[in-house]
Amino acid sequence: MARTNVLLIADTHLGQGQAGRLLGRIAEQLTMAEMILHAGDVTDASILDALAMHVPDKRVYAVKGNNDHGLELPERLSFNVDGCAVAMIHDSGAAVGRTTRLRRWFPAADVVVFGHSHLPWHEIDVRDSDGHVQHHVNPGSATARRRAPRCTVAHLVIDDGVVAAVHHVPLGIQ
């Protein structure tokens, strides 16, 4: 039985030499993570390098956000985590039509992780034609809450290829 805890992060907006700020905020969450997905607006490669030091086999995946100038990251990413089809994009577009749009962009994905709005989000879409379940998750931002009440990250738990849980975690004093 394969069970994987994936830490979801987005919109950190930190520069060179600021990785410690992020690591300090998410230290407890890192202890549970076996993989990290960053849904864009990393802004400096050193952030990804620092995160990689805290997960087995340096399993950190990231997509390019609108503020990731000069970073060589894909705009979209699709891969498999223990039998679960995962996709990532930074900007999912406007809230209106998001469900349909994500389903069109990533029809086979079991989970689509996105960022950009800094607002934590989790919805489940069940496709009428075949019952395929797709989770849409924005972890929020660990460092810049903007309109959200708190800074957040999320945990995605995959159990034998199936999404077993999605939990948003509020972080410290804002």
C-alpha atoms as a PDB file:
ATOM      1  CA  MET A   1       0.000   0.000   0.000  1.00  0.00           C
ATOM      2  CA  ALA A   2       1.578   3.283  -1.150  1.00  0.00           C
ATOM      3  CA  ARG A   3       0.702   6.426   0.817  1.00  0.00           C
ATOM      4  CA  THR A   4       2.329   9.728  -0.099  1.00  0.00           C
ATOM      5  CA  ASN A   5       2.024  13.087   1.657  1.00  0.00           C
ATOM      6  CA  VAL A   6       2.546  15.903  -0.842  1.00  0.00           C
ATOM      7  CA  LEU A   7       3.074  19.451   0.427  1.00  0.00           C
ATOM      8  CA  LEU A   8       1.448  22.027  -1.867  1.00  0.00           C
ATOM      9  CA  ILE A   9       2.855  25.564  -1.961  1.00  0.00           C
ATOM     10  CA  ALA A  10       2.286  28.549  -4.239  1.00  0.00           C
ATOM     11  CA  ASP A  11       2.985  32.253  -4.525  1.00  0.00           C
ATOM     12  CA  THR A  12       5.934  32.517  -2.163  1.00  0.00           C
ATOM     13  CA  HIS A  13       7.297  35.650  -3.911  1.00  0.00           C
ATOM     14  CA  LEU A  14      10.678  35.451  -2.164  1.00  0.00           C
ATOM     15  CA  GLY A  15      14.030  36.548  -3.503  1.00  0.00           C
ATOM     16  CA  GLN A  16      17.640  35.457  -3.168  1.00  0.00           C
ATOM     17  CA  GLY A  17      18.586  34.786   0.445  1.00  0.00           C
ATOM     18  CA  GLN A  18      14.995  34.632   1.706  1.00  0.00           C
ATOM     19  CA  ALA A  19      14.485  30.847   1.740  1.00  0.00           C
ATOM     20  CA  GLY A  20      14.941  30.778   5.519  1.00  0.00           C
ATOM     21  CA  ARG A  21      11.821  32.899   5.904  1.00  0.00           C
ATOM     22  CA  LEU A  22       9.756  30.278   4.070  1.00  0.00           C
ATOM     23  CA  LEU A  23      11.412  27.294   5.746  1.00  0.00           C
ATOM     24  CA  GLY A  24      10.755  28.802   9.164  1.00  0.00           C
ATOM     25  CA  ARG A  25       7.067  29.298   8.413  1.00  0.00           C
ATOM     26  CA  ILE A  26       6.542  25.758   7.082  1.00  0.00           C
ATOM     27  CA  ALA A  27       9.001  23.798   9.247  1.00  0.00           C
ATOM     28  CA  GLU A  28       6.316  21.610  10.816  1.00  0.00           C
ATOM     29  CA  GLN A  29       4.716  20.920   7.429  1.00  0.00           C
ATOM     30  CA  LEU A  30       8.068  19.904   5.947  1.00  0.00           C
ATOM     31  CA  THR A  31       8.433  17.104   8.500  1.00  0.00           C
ATOM     32  CA  MET A  32       5.413  15.359   6.966  1.00  0.00           C
ATOM     33  CA  ALA A  33       6.234  15.986   3.300  1.00  0.00           C
ATOM     34  CA  GLU A  34       7.531  13.299   0.980  1.00  0.00           C
ATOM     35  CA  MET A  35       7.210  15.528  -2.079  1.00  0.00           C
ATOM     36  CA  ILE A  36       6.656  19.251  -2.665  1.00  0.00           C
ATOM     37  CA  LEU A  37       4.695  20.876  -5.482  1.00  0.00           C
ATOM     38  CA  HIS A  38       5.118  24.638  -5.978  1.00  0.00           C
ATOM     39  CA  ALA A  39       2.415  26.159  -8.173  1.00  0.00           C
ATOM     40  CA  GLY A  40       4.409  29.174  -9.335  1.00  0.00           C
ATOM     41  CA  ASP A  41       5.567  32.642  -8.372  1.00  0.00           C
ATOM     42  CA  VAL A  42       8.654  31.172  -6.759  1.00  0.00           C
ATOM     43  CA  THR A  43      10.634  34.231  -8.012  1.00  0.00           C
ATOM     44  CA  ASP A  44      14.079  32.794  -7.171  1.00  0.00           C
ATOM     45  CA  ALA A  45      15.541  29.331  -7.863  1.00  0.00           C
ATOM     46  CA  SER A  46      17.179  29.271  -4.422  1.00  0.00           C
ATOM     47  CA  ILE A  47      13.722  28.756  -2.901  1.00  0.00           C
ATOM     48  CA  LEU A  48      13.265  25.491  -4.809  1.00  0.00           C
ATOM     49  CA  ASP A  49      16.806  24.397  -3.911  1.00  0.00           C
ATOM     50  CA  ALA A  50      16.106  25.001  -0.216  1.00  0.00           C
ATOM     51  CA  LEU A  51      12.825  23.076  -0.353  1.00  0.00           C
ATOM     52  CA  ALA A  52      14.521  20.148  -2.100  1.00  0.00           C
ATOM     53  CA  MET A  53      16.802  19.661   0.898  1.00  0.00           C
ATOM     54  CA  HIS A  54      13.771  18.681   3.008  1.00  0.00           C
ATOM     55  CA  VAL A  55      12.195  15.873   0.979  1.00  0.00           C
ATOM     56  CA  PRO A  56      13.433  12.423  -0.036  1.00  0.00           C
ATOM     57  CA  ASP A  57      15.215  12.322  -3.389  1.00  0.00           C
ATOM     58  CA  LYS A  58      14.785  16.133  -3.627  1.00  0.00           C
ATOM     59  CA  ARG A  59      11.311  15.595  -5.104  1.00  0.00           C
ATOM     60  CA  VAL A  60      10.243  19.180  -5.769  1.00  0.00           C
ATOM     61  CA  TYR A  61       8.216  20.067  -8.840  1.00  0.00           C
ATOM     62  CA  ALA A  62       7.294  23.605  -9.877  1.00  0.00           C
ATOM     63  CA  VAL A  63       5.589  25.516 -12.663  1.00  0.00           C
ATOM     64  CA  LYS A  64       6.321  29.002 -13.891  1.00  0.00           C
ATOM     65  CA  GLY A  65       4.257  31.839 -12.481  1.00  0.00           C
ATOM     66  CA  ASN A  66       3.746  35.309 -13.909  1.00  0.00           C
ATOM     67  CA  ASN A  67       6.486  36.661 -11.585  1.00  0.00           C
ATOM     68  CA  ASP A  68       9.060  33.953 -12.327  1.00  0.00           C
ATOM     69  CA  HIS A  69      11.186  36.009 -14.706  1.00  0.00           C
ATOM     70  CA  GLY A  70      14.352  34.207 -15.750  1.00  0.00           C
ATOM     71  CA  LEU A  71      13.395  30.868 -14.187  1.00  0.00           C
ATOM     72  CA  GLU A  72      13.414  27.875 -16.508  1.00  0.00           C
ATOM     73  CA  LEU A  73      10.185  26.220 -15.404  1.00  0.00           C
ATOM     74  CA  PRO A  74       7.364  24.703 -17.459  1.00  0.00           C
ATOM     75  CA  GLU A  75       4.084  26.607 -17.656  1.00  0.00           C
ATOM     76  CA  ARG A  76       2.154  23.345 -17.282  1.00  0.00           C
ATOM     77  CA  LEU A  77       3.237  20.075 -15.786  1.00  0.00           C
ATOM     78  CA  SER A  78       1.590  16.637 -15.662  1.00  0.00           C
ATOM     79  CA  PHE A  79       3.047  13.607 -13.905  1.00  0.00           C
ATOM     80  CA  ASN A  80       2.158  10.534 -11.890  1.00  0.00           C
ATOM     81  CA  VAL A  81       2.443  10.204  -8.111  1.00  0.00           C
ATOM     82  CA  ASP A  82       2.026   6.589  -7.049  1.00  0.00           C
ATOM     83  CA  GLY A  83      -0.693   6.001  -9.645  1.00  0.00           C
ATOM     84  CA  CYS A  84      -2.440   9.359  -9.203  1.00  0.00           C
ATOM     85  CA  ALA A  85      -2.427  11.692 -12.225  1.00  0.00           C
ATOM     86  CA  VAL A  86      -1.346  15.155 -11.042  1.00  0.00           C
ATOM     87  CA  ALA A  87      -1.261  18.362 -13.094  1.00  0.00           C
ATOM     88  CA  MET A  88      -0.039  21.864 -12.231  1.00  0.00           C
ATOM     89  CA  ILE A  89      -0.473  25.340 -13.660  1.00  0.00           C
ATOM     90  CA  HIS A  90       0.040  28.716 -12.029  1.00  0.00           C
ATOM     91  CA  ASP A  91      -2.938  30.718 -13.275  1.00  0.00           C
ATOM     92  CA  SER A  92      -6.231  28.871 -13.647  1.00  0.00           C
ATOM     93  CA  GLY A  93      -8.001  31.965 -14.962  1.00  0.00           C
ATOM     94  CA  ALA A  94     -11.096  33.646 -13.563  1.00  0.00           C
ATOM     95  CA  ALA A  95     -13.105  31.861 -10.891  1.00  0.00           C
ATOM     96  CA  VAL A  96     -16.106  31.858 -13.217  1.00  0.00           C
ATOM     97  CA  GLY A  97     -15.614  28.895 -15.548  1.00  0.00           C
ATOM     98  CA  ARG A  98     -12.574  27.529 -13.680  1.00  0.00           C
ATOM     99  CA  THR A  99     -13.981  24.030 -13.195  1.00  0.00           C
ATOM    100  CA  THR A 100     -14.764  23.573 -16.876  1.00  0.00           C
ATOM    101  CA  ARG A 101     -11.467  25.136 -17.945  1.00  0.00           C
ATOM    102  CA  LEU A 102      -9.299  22.932 -15.698  1.00  0.00           C
ATOM    103  CA  ARG A 103     -11.193  19.855 -16.823  1.00  0.00           C
ATOM    104  CA  ARG A 104     -10.632  20.828 -20.482  1.00  0.00           C
ATOM    105  CA  TRP A 105      -6.916  21.556 -19.964  1.00  0.00           C
ATOM    106  CA  PHE A 106      -6.228  18.407 -17.928  1.00  0.00           C
ATOM    107  CA  PRO A 107      -9.003  15.889 -18.740  1.00  0.00           C
ATOM    108  CA  ALA A 108      -7.234  12.835 -17.288  1.00  0.00           C
ATOM    109  CA  ALA A 109      -5.799  14.466 -14.140  1.00  0.00           C
ATOM    110  CA  ASP A 110      -7.043  13.289 -10.765  1.00  0.00           C
ATOM    111  CA  VAL A 111      -5.680  16.467  -9.140  1.00  0.00           C
ATOM    112  CA  VAL A 112      -4.971  19.909 -10.609  1.00  0.00           C
ATOM    113  CA  VAL A 113      -2.862  22.216  -8.427  1.00  0.00           C
ATOM    114  CA  PHE A 114      -2.816  25.936  -9.191  1.00  0.00           C
ATOM    115  CA  GLY A 115      -1.955  29.250  -7.562  1.00  0.00           C
ATOM    116  CA  HIS A 116      -1.978  32.929  -8.555  1.00  0.00           C
ATOM    117  CA  SER A 117      -4.923  34.207  -6.474  1.00  0.00           C
ATOM    118  CA  HIS A 118      -3.294  33.546  -3.065  1.00  0.00           C
ATOM    119  CA  LEU A 119      -6.704  32.211  -1.967  1.00  0.00           C
ATOM    120  CA  PRO A 120      -6.880  28.665  -0.583  1.00  0.00           C
ATOM    121  CA  TRP A 121      -9.313  26.558  -2.582  1.00  0.00           C
ATOM    122  CA  HIS A 122     -10.423  22.959  -2.916  1.00  0.00           C
ATOM    123  CA  GLU A 123     -13.268  21.711  -5.031  1.00  0.00           C
ATOM    124  CA  ILE A 124     -14.165  18.305  -6.370  1.00  0.00           C
ATOM    125  CA  ASP A 125     -15.511  17.911  -9.884  1.00  0.00           C
ATOM    126  CA  VAL A 126     -17.174  14.670 -10.976  1.00  0.00           C
ATOM    127  CA  ARG A 127     -17.383  14.235 -14.744  1.00  0.00           C
ATOM    128  CA  ASP A 128     -20.928  13.305 -15.779  1.00  0.00           C
ATOM    129  CA  SER A 129     -19.929  11.016 -18.647  1.00  0.00           C
ATOM    130  CA  ASP A 130     -17.876   8.540 -16.610  1.00  0.00           C
ATOM    131  CA  GLY A 131     -17.793   9.614 -12.952  1.00  0.00           C
ATOM    132  CA  HIS A 132     -14.090  10.558 -13.043  1.00  0.00           C
ATOM    133  CA  VAL A 133     -13.260  12.590  -9.939  1.00  0.00           C
ATOM    134  CA  GLN A 134     -10.945  15.584 -10.267  1.00  0.00           C
ATOM    135  CA  HIS A 135      -9.716  17.705  -7.349  1.00  0.00           C
ATOM    136  CA  HIS A 136      -8.858  21.386  -7.950  1.00  0.00           C
ATOM    137  CA  VAL A 137      -6.537  22.742  -5.265  1.00  0.00           C
ATOM    138  CA  ASN A 138      -4.981  26.139  -4.636  1.00  0.00           C
ATOM    139  CA  PRO A 139      -2.836  25.949  -1.499  1.00  0.00           C
ATOM    140  CA  GLY A 140      -2.961  29.731  -0.998  1.00  0.00           C
ATOM    141  CA  SER A 141       0.288  31.507  -0.210  1.00  0.00           C
ATOM    142  CA  ALA A 142       2.703  30.616   2.583  1.00  0.00           C
ATOM    143  CA  THR A 143       4.131  34.147   2.708  1.00  0.00           C
ATOM    144  CA  ALA A 144       1.765  36.722   1.162  1.00  0.00           C
ATOM    145  CA  ARG A 145      -1.881  36.297   2.151  1.00  0.00           C
ATOM    146  CA  ARG A 146      -3.217  39.319   0.216  1.00  0.00           C
ATOM    147  CA  ARG A 147      -7.037  38.956   0.376  1.00  0.00           C
ATOM    148  CA  ALA A 148      -6.960  35.612   2.202  1.00  0.00           C
ATOM    149  CA  PRO A 149      -7.521  35.694   5.969  1.00  0.00           C
ATOM    150  CA  ARG A 150      -4.289  33.755   6.637  1.00  0.00           C
ATOM    151  CA  CYS A 151      -1.220  32.464   4.876  1.00  0.00           C
ATOM    152  CA  THR A 152      -1.665  28.779   4.056  1.00  0.00           C
ATOM    153  CA  VAL A 153      -0.206  25.665   2.484  1.00  0.00           C
ATOM    154  CA  ALA A 154      -2.007  22.411   1.739  1.00  0.00           C
ATOM    155  CA  HIS A 155      -1.327  18.713   2.113  1.00  0.00           C
ATOM    156  CA  LEU A 156      -2.439  16.274  -0.547  1.00  0.00           C
ATOM    157  CA  VAL A 157      -2.521  12.685   0.678  1.00  0.00           C
ATOM    158  CA  ILE A 158      -2.436  10.044  -2.042  1.00  0.00           C
ATOM    159  CA  ASP A 159      -3.256   6.496  -0.995  1.00  0.00           C
ATOM    160  CA  ASP A 160      -2.818   3.713  -3.568  1.00  0.00           C
ATOM    161  CA  GLY A 161      -3.227   6.121  -6.476  1.00  0.00           C
ATOM    162  CA  VAL A 162      -6.320   7.826  -5.088  1.00  0.00           C
ATOM    163  CA  VAL A 163      -6.691  11.220  -3.403  1.00  0.00           C
ATOM    164  CA  ALA A 164      -7.356  10.287   0.224  1.00  0.00           C
ATOM    165  CA  ALA A 165      -7.363  13.832   1.626  1.00  0.00           C
ATOM    166  CA  VAL A 166      -6.696  17.493   0.957  1.00  0.00           C
ATOM    167  CA  HIS A 167      -6.034  19.677   4.009  1.00  0.00           C
ATOM    168  CA  HIS A 168      -5.302  23.403   4.062  1.00  0.00           C
ATOM    169  CA  VAL A 169      -3.074  24.451   6.942  1.00  0.00           C
ATOM    170  CA  PRO A 170      -3.048  28.039   8.243  1.00  0.00           C
ATOM    171  CA  LEU A 171       0.446  29.257   9.073  1.00  0.00           C
ATOM    172  CA  GLY A 172       1.537  31.196  12.163  1.00  0.00           C
ATOM    173  CA  ILE A 173       0.936  34.830  12.957  1.00  0.00           C
ATOM    174  CA  GLN A 174       0.274  36.897   9.850  1.00  0.00           C
END
